[in-house]
Amino acid sequence: MPDIRLITYGSCDYHDMVALRDKMLRRPLGLTFSEEYLQQEMNDILIGCFDNNRITGCCILTPVSDTTVQLRQMAVDDDQQGKGTGSKVLRFAEEQARKEGFSELMMHARETARPFYEKNGYSVRGEKFSEVGIDHVEMFLKL
């Protein structure tokens, strides 16, 4: 049974999370993480899904206002996709956001991930836009 839990910035779990995000989100686009970029995550809510102590999925919640939190860096390892890991991580993130007092969760979703988020109850807001060189849409869920 996968274990979904909060991750402490700078911990071994955090370094595993960065490695998973690098593998699934950055390297395919020819991008890397800078130290400055990662330091901005110090005060974010970091979430990881672990199976036998191996990280299989993750995401980050970054507050953008008193009422809205942004889901970022959602990643599921390729051998775990289509097995419900992403939906479980998403549910955990929504619960965390509610506990923290937020009333809306929003994200910049890759166009390719849009069906996944729609299936999980998210709606599109606005037009498509380019971020890190690929099409994204803003999506949101009222908590």
Protein backbone atom coordinates (compact mmCIF):
# COMPACT_ATOMS: atom_id res chain seq x y z
CA MET A 1 0.00 0.00 0.00
CA PRO A 2 1.54 3.34 -0.99
CA ASP A 3 2.31 5.82 1.78
CA ILE A 4 1.53 9.47 0.98
CA ARG A 5 3.09 11.98 3.33
CA LEU A 6 4.54 15.45 3.71
CA ILE A 7 8.21 15.83 2.86
CA THR A 8 10.66 18.04 4.76
CA TYR A 9 12.62 20.47 2.59
CA GLY A 10 16.26 19.39 2.33
CA SER A 11 15.66 15.83 3.62
CA CYS A 12 16.66 12.60 1.85
CA ASP A 13 13.00 12.25 0.75
CA TYR A 14 13.19 15.77 -0.69
CA HIS A 15 16.28 14.90 -2.73
CA ASP A 16 14.48 11.78 -4.04
CA MET A 17 11.53 14.02 -4.96
CA VAL A 18 13.77 16.43 -6.88
CA ALA A 19 15.31 13.47 -8.74
CA LEU A 20 11.85 12.18 -9.74
CA ARG A 21 10.75 15.63 -10.91
CA ASP A 22 13.99 16.01 -12.86
CA LYS A 23 13.47 12.62 -14.56
CA MET A 24 9.78 13.11 -15.41
CA LEU A 25 9.36 16.88 -15.89
CA ARG A 26 12.71 18.54 -16.62
CA ARG A 27 15.03 16.21 -18.53
CA PRO A 28 12.47 15.40 -21.28
CA LEU A 29 12.39 19.16 -22.03
CA GLY A 30 16.16 19.57 -21.79
CA LEU A 31 15.82 21.59 -18.58
CA THR A 32 17.43 21.40 -15.16
CA PHE A 33 16.74 22.84 -11.70
CA SER A 34 18.81 25.76 -10.40
CA GLU A 35 19.68 26.10 -6.71
CA GLU A 36 17.73 29.39 -6.66
CA TYR A 37 14.63 27.66 -8.06
CA LEU A 38 14.80 24.87 -5.47
CA GLN A 39 15.41 27.31 -2.59
CA GLN A 40 12.03 28.90 -3.35
CA GLU A 41 10.42 25.60 -2.25
CA MET A 42 11.61 26.01 1.34
CA ASN A 43 8.22 27.27 2.56
CA ASP A 44 6.04 25.22 0.21
CA ILE A 45 3.98 22.16 1.13
CA LEU A 46 5.91 19.19 -0.29
CA ILE A 47 4.04 15.91 -0.86
CA GLY A 48 5.41 12.51 -1.78
CA CYS A 49 3.97 9.06 -2.47
CA PHE A 50 6.24 6.21 -1.43
CA ASP A 51 6.07 2.51 -2.16
CA ASN A 52 8.53 0.46 -0.09
CA ASN A 53 10.46 3.71 0.57
CA ARG A 54 10.80 4.44 -3.18
CA ILE A 55 9.21 7.72 -4.27
CA THR A 56 6.62 7.01 -6.97
CA GLY A 57 4.77 10.34 -7.14
CA CYS A 58 4.90 13.88 -5.81
CA CYS A 59 3.61 17.43 -6.01
CA ILE A 60 4.12 20.83 -4.41
CA LEU A 61 1.56 23.28 -3.05
CA THR A 62 2.59 26.94 -3.23
CA PRO A 63 0.30 29.57 -1.66
CA VAL A 64 -0.53 32.37 -4.12
CA SER A 65 -3.05 34.26 -1.93
CA ASP A 66 -4.91 33.83 1.35
CA THR A 67 -7.52 31.68 -0.40
CA THR A 68 -5.69 30.06 -3.34
CA VAL A 69 -2.87 27.54 -3.46
CA GLN A 70 -1.10 26.44 -6.65
CA LEU A 71 -0.33 22.80 -7.35
CA ARG A 72 3.07 22.53 -9.03
CA GLN A 73 5.57 19.91 -10.11
CA MET A 74 3.11 17.01 -10.11
CA ALA A 75 5.01 13.91 -11.23
CA VAL A 76 4.37 10.18 -11.24
CA ASP A 77 7.14 7.74 -12.13
CA ASP A 78 6.58 6.18 -15.56
CA ASP A 79 6.15 2.63 -14.18
CA GLN A 80 3.34 3.87 -11.88
CA GLN A 81 1.29 5.87 -14.39
CA GLY A 82 -2.26 4.65 -14.95
CA LYS A 83 -2.35 2.88 -11.56
CA GLY A 84 -4.11 5.58 -9.51
CA THR A 85 -0.96 7.04 -7.94
CA GLY A 86 -1.54 10.52 -9.39
CA SER A 87 -5.17 10.62 -8.23
CA LYS A 88 -4.14 9.56 -4.71
CA VAL A 89 -1.46 12.27 -4.57
CA LEU A 90 -4.02 14.80 -5.83
CA ARG A 91 -6.58 13.82 -3.15
CA PHE A 92 -3.92 14.13 -0.44
CA ALA A 93 -2.90 17.56 -1.78
CA GLU A 94 -6.54 18.72 -1.77
CA GLU A 95 -6.93 17.58 1.85
CA GLN A 96 -3.73 19.40 2.85
CA ALA A 97 -4.92 22.56 1.10
CA ARG A 98 -8.26 22.37 2.96
CA LYS A 99 -6.45 21.83 6.31
CA GLU A 100 -4.34 24.91 5.58
CA GLY A 101 -7.51 26.96 5.03
CA PHE A 102 -7.41 27.40 1.25
CA SER A 103 -10.67 27.44 -0.73
CA GLU A 104 -9.24 27.00 -4.24
CA LEU A 105 -6.53 24.85 -5.74
CA MET A 106 -5.23 26.00 -9.14
CA MET A 107 -2.45 24.89 -11.47
CA HIS A 108 -0.79 25.41 -14.81
CA ALA A 109 -1.44 21.97 -16.30
CA ARG A 110 0.37 20.64 -19.31
CA GLU A 111 -2.11 20.20 -22.16
CA THR A 112 -1.20 16.47 -22.19
CA ALA A 113 -2.25 16.16 -18.51
CA ARG A 114 -5.53 18.03 -18.98
CA PRO A 115 -7.69 14.85 -19.33
CA PHE A 116 -6.24 13.49 -16.05
CA TYR A 117 -7.17 16.66 -14.14
CA GLU A 118 -10.61 16.89 -15.79
CA LYS A 119 -11.27 13.29 -14.74
CA ASN A 120 -10.38 14.38 -11.19
CA GLY A 121 -12.91 17.24 -11.17
CA TYR A 122 -10.79 20.21 -12.30
CA SER A 123 -12.04 22.88 -14.73
CA VAL A 124 -10.15 24.95 -17.30
CA ARG A 125 -10.00 28.73 -16.87
CA GLY A 126 -8.84 30.95 -19.73
CA GLU A 127 -6.91 30.20 -22.90
CA LYS A 128 -3.97 27.93 -23.64
CA PHE A 129 -0.53 29.45 -23.04
CA SER A 130 3.08 28.37 -23.39
CA GLU A 131 5.26 27.64 -20.36
CA VAL A 132 8.67 25.93 -20.47
CA GLY A 133 8.11 25.70 -24.22
CA ILE A 134 4.95 23.56 -24.13
CA ASP A 135 1.18 24.22 -24.08
CA HIS A 136 -0.46 24.63 -20.68
CA VAL A 137 -3.92 25.58 -19.42
CA GLU A 138 -4.87 27.03 -16.07
CA MET A 139 -7.09 24.60 -14.18
CA PHE A 140 -8.77 24.92 -10.80
CA LEU A 141 -10.93 23.19 -8.22
CA LYS A 142 -13.04 24.81 -5.50
CA LEU A 143 -12.19 23.05 -2.24
